[in-house]
Protein backbone atom coordinates (compact mmCIF):
# COMPACT_ATOMS: atom_id res chain seq x y z
CA MET A 1 219.39 62.41 -0.51
CA LYS A 2 222.59 63.70 -2.04
CA LYS A 3 225.71 64.45 -0.08
CA LEU A 4 226.51 68.17 -0.05
CA GLY A 5 229.89 69.75 -0.47
CA LYS A 6 230.62 72.00 2.51
CA PHE A 7 230.96 74.96 0.20
CA LEU A 8 227.27 74.73 -0.75
CA VAL A 9 225.75 74.44 2.73
CA ALA A 10 223.54 77.29 3.95
CA GLY A 11 223.28 78.77 0.49
CA ALA A 12 226.90 79.90 0.49
CA LEU A 13 230.37 78.72 -0.43
CA ALA A 14 230.99 78.23 3.25
CA ALA A 15 234.29 76.36 3.04
CA VAL A 16 235.88 78.60 0.43
CA ALA A 17 238.70 80.86 1.55
CA CYS A 18 237.60 84.06 -0.20
CA VAL A 19 240.17 86.44 -1.53
CA GLY A 20 237.67 89.21 -2.25
CA LEU A 21 233.99 89.78 -1.47
CA VAL A 22 231.62 92.21 -3.16
CA ALA A 23 228.08 92.18 -1.74
CA CYS A 24 225.14 92.92 -3.98
CA GLY A 25 221.39 92.46 -4.16
CA GLY A 26 219.81 89.77 -6.29
CA GLY A 27 216.46 88.90 -7.78
CA SER A 28 213.34 88.37 -5.69
CA THR A 29 211.29 85.17 -5.80
CA SER A 30 208.28 83.97 -3.82
CA TYR A 31 208.13 80.73 -1.84
CA GLU A 32 205.27 78.97 -0.06
CA GLY A 33 205.29 77.26 3.31
CA GLU A 34 202.76 75.70 5.64
CA TYR A 35 202.43 74.51 9.21
CA LYS A 36 199.26 72.71 10.25
CA TYR A 37 197.86 70.12 12.63
CA GLU A 38 194.46 68.54 13.06
CA ASN A 39 191.94 70.03 15.45
CA SER A 40 191.65 67.32 18.11
CA TYR A 41 188.07 68.34 18.85
CA THR A 42 186.92 68.40 15.21
CA PRO A 43 188.41 65.64 13.05
CA GLY A 44 188.91 66.82 9.48
CA SER A 45 189.47 70.41 10.57
CA TYR A 46 192.88 71.96 11.00
CA TYR A 47 194.74 74.75 12.71
CA GLY A 48 197.49 76.12 10.53
CA ALA A 49 199.03 78.86 8.47
CA LYS A 50 199.93 78.99 4.79
CA VAL A 51 202.35 81.75 3.88
CA THR A 52 203.80 83.18 0.71
CA VAL A 53 207.09 84.97 1.26
CA THR A 54 209.12 87.03 -1.18
CA ILE A 55 212.87 86.78 -0.61
CA GLU A 56 215.53 88.91 -2.22
CA ASP A 57 218.77 87.01 -2.73
CA VAL A 58 221.93 88.48 -1.24
CA LYS A 59 224.86 87.66 -3.51
CA GLU A 60 228.59 88.01 -3.23
CA THR A 61 231.43 87.69 -5.69
CA GLN A 62 233.88 85.12 -4.37
CA GLU A 63 237.22 84.03 -5.78
CA LEU A 64 238.40 80.43 -5.82
CA ASP A 65 241.49 79.14 -7.61
CA GLY A 66 241.75 82.34 -9.60
CA LYS A 67 238.12 82.24 -10.76
CA LYS A 68 235.37 84.56 -9.58
CA TYR A 69 231.86 83.30 -8.88
CA THR A 70 228.73 85.24 -7.98
CA VAL A 71 226.95 83.16 -5.35
CA ILE A 72 223.99 83.48 -3.01
CA THR A 73 225.13 83.91 0.59
CA GLY A 74 221.87 84.98 2.19
CA GLY A 75 218.40 86.37 1.65
CA LYS A 76 216.24 89.25 2.80
CA ILE A 77 212.48 89.05 3.27
CA THR A 78 210.65 91.77 1.38
CA LYS A 79 207.04 90.64 1.76
CA ILE A 80 204.95 87.98 3.50
CA THR A 81 201.26 87.19 3.12
CA VAL A 82 199.07 84.64 4.89
CA ALA A 83 196.30 82.73 3.15
CA ASP A 84 192.75 83.37 4.35
CA ASP A 85 191.16 80.92 6.75
CA THR A 86 188.45 78.56 5.54
CA ASP A 87 185.60 76.73 7.26
CA THR A 88 187.89 73.79 8.03
CA TYR A 89 191.28 75.53 8.31
CA HIS A 90 191.92 78.24 10.89
CA ASN A 91 194.89 80.25 12.00
CA ILE A 92 192.61 82.68 13.86
CA THR A 93 189.62 80.84 15.29
CA PRO A 94 186.43 82.78 14.43
CA THR A 95 184.79 82.01 17.78
CA TRP A 96 187.85 83.08 19.81
CA GLN A 97 186.88 85.86 22.21
CA GLU A 98 189.02 88.64 23.66
CA ASN A 99 190.26 87.66 27.13
CA GLN A 100 188.83 84.16 26.70
CA ASN A 101 191.98 83.39 28.61
CA PRO A 102 193.55 86.36 30.40
CA GLY A 103 195.41 88.48 27.86
CA ASP A 104 193.94 86.83 24.75
CA LEU A 105 193.52 89.22 21.83
CA GLY A 106 190.61 87.30 20.39
CA HIS A 107 189.65 86.93 16.74
CA ASP A 108 188.77 90.50 15.79
CA LYS A 109 191.78 92.21 17.37
CA THR A 110 194.17 89.57 15.99
CA VAL A 111 192.80 90.06 12.47
CA ALA A 112 193.20 93.83 12.90
CA ALA A 113 196.78 93.46 14.17
CA LEU A 114 197.92 91.03 11.45
CA PRO A 115 198.95 93.53 8.71
CA ASP A 116 201.29 95.45 11.03
CA TYR A 117 202.58 92.18 12.48
CA LEU A 118 203.51 90.83 9.05
CA LYS A 119 205.40 94.02 8.22
CA LYS A 120 207.77 93.22 11.09
CA PHE A 121 209.23 90.43 8.95
CA GLU A 122 210.17 92.78 6.13
CA GLY A 123 213.90 93.41 6.02
CA LYS A 124 214.69 90.39 8.21
CA SER A 125 217.32 87.98 6.91
CA VAL A 126 216.55 84.33 6.35
CA LEU A 127 219.15 83.54 9.00
CA GLU A 128 217.32 85.67 11.58
CA ILE A 129 214.08 83.81 10.88
CA MET A 130 215.66 80.36 10.96
CA THR A 131 217.27 81.01 14.35
CA ILE A 132 213.88 81.69 15.98
CA THR A 133 212.69 78.87 18.22
CA VAL A 134 208.97 78.13 18.44
CA ASP A 135 208.12 75.86 21.35
CA VAL A 136 205.27 73.46 20.62
CA ASP A 137 203.16 71.28 22.89
CA LYS A 138 201.40 68.50 20.97
CA ASN A 139 201.91 70.52 17.75
CA VAL A 140 200.42 73.67 19.31
CA PRO A 141 202.82 76.67 19.50
CA SER A 142 203.27 77.69 23.12
CA ASP A 143 206.12 80.22 23.08
CA ILE A 144 208.41 82.09 20.68
CA SER A 145 212.04 82.99 21.36
CA SER A 146 211.84 86.31 19.50
CA ALA A 147 209.80 88.80 21.56
CA ASP A 148 209.69 91.14 18.55
CA LEU A 149 207.97 88.54 16.38
CA LYS A 150 205.61 87.17 19.01
CA LEU A 151 202.17 88.72 18.67
CA THR A 152 201.28 89.28 22.31
CA GLY A 153 197.94 87.71 23.09
CA ALA A 154 198.08 85.54 19.96
CA THR A 155 201.09 83.28 20.46
CA GLN A 156 199.58 80.31 18.64
CA THR A 157 198.70 82.40 15.59
CA SER A 158 202.12 84.03 15.35
CA GLY A 159 203.89 80.74 16.10
CA ARG A 160 202.12 79.01 13.22
CA ILE A 161 203.09 81.84 10.89
CA ILE A 162 206.75 81.63 11.88
CA LEU A 163 206.82 77.85 11.49
CA ALA A 164 205.20 78.15 8.04
CA LEU A 165 207.75 80.82 7.10
CA GLN A 166 210.62 78.58 8.22
CA ALA A 167 209.18 75.80 6.06
CA ALA A 168 209.20 78.14 3.05
CA ILE A 169 212.83 79.12 3.67
CA GLY A 170 213.98 75.53 4.16
CA GLU A 171 216.56 73.87 6.38
CA MET A 172 220.00 75.34 5.70
CA GLY A 173 222.22 73.63 8.25
CA SER A 174 222.44 70.04 7.03
CA MET A 175 225.81 68.81 5.83
CA THR A 176 224.35 65.70 4.20
CA ASP A 177 220.85 66.33 2.82
CA LEU A 178 219.42 68.74 0.30
CA PRO A 179 216.65 71.07 1.48
CA ALA A 180 213.15 70.35 0.19
CA LYS A 181 212.52 71.36 -3.41
CA GLY A 182 210.61 74.61 -3.74
CA THR A 183 212.26 76.19 -0.70
CA TRP A 184 214.56 79.21 -0.76
CA ALA A 185 217.43 77.09 0.59
CA TYR A 186 217.13 74.62 -2.30
CA HIS A 187 217.08 77.52 -4.76
CA ALA A 188 220.23 79.00 -3.20
CA ILE A 189 222.18 75.74 -3.36
CA GLU A 190 221.00 75.03 -6.90
CA PHE A 191 222.03 78.54 -8.02
CA ASN A 192 225.46 78.24 -6.42
CA ALA A 193 226.04 74.81 -7.91
CA LYS A 194 225.24 76.10 -11.38
CA GLN A 195 227.66 79.00 -10.96
CA MET A 196 230.42 76.44 -10.41
CA GLY A 197 229.30 74.19 -13.23
CA LEU A 198 227.84 71.56 -10.89
CA ASP A 199 224.59 69.60 -11.01
CA ILE A 200 222.56 69.82 -7.80
CA ASN A 201 221.54 66.17 -8.34
CA ASN A 202 225.16 65.05 -8.54
CA LEU A 203 227.07 67.10 -6.01
CA PRO A 204 230.54 65.96 -4.92
CA ASN A 205 231.12 64.52 -1.47
CA MET A 206 233.38 66.61 0.72
């Protein structure tokens, strides 16, 4: 992994002392993420979620050493979709019954609630999503720190979606390693590097 200059971390020129900032919207691009784990009762079958998320870049004009650069400093989610389940890959178990455990939504009500649930992500910033904590017990989501984005009665389903979404956005906080290719965070750092005439594969150490 390449060392990152502090000014490129988190998709922003974080260490730059900015003389002037002008916020503006940027282009929208879609990213894919997944969170899955094997069904311990049925080897070869999985619980998981595969998401496609559209993120609009938030850009700012920043000045450094008398030069102005337009850089990505954040992102806003405009749409999220979840791939359909298959015979061997479930986010919403087809045999799951309402109140199977007290308060469970069950399969049919969770499927019905999903479109409105996914709309709750629209307008959220990537930072808001990445600060959500999903507790897991042996890979199974057990609680979510954001009450607004926890689908009551379907914690595992909503937890898998959030973890898949976080995978699509990518880790933004590392000071030493690049995010995974294909993530929004990698895109943001690559864009910012290009604006400054830098190669993402040969970033300076800072």
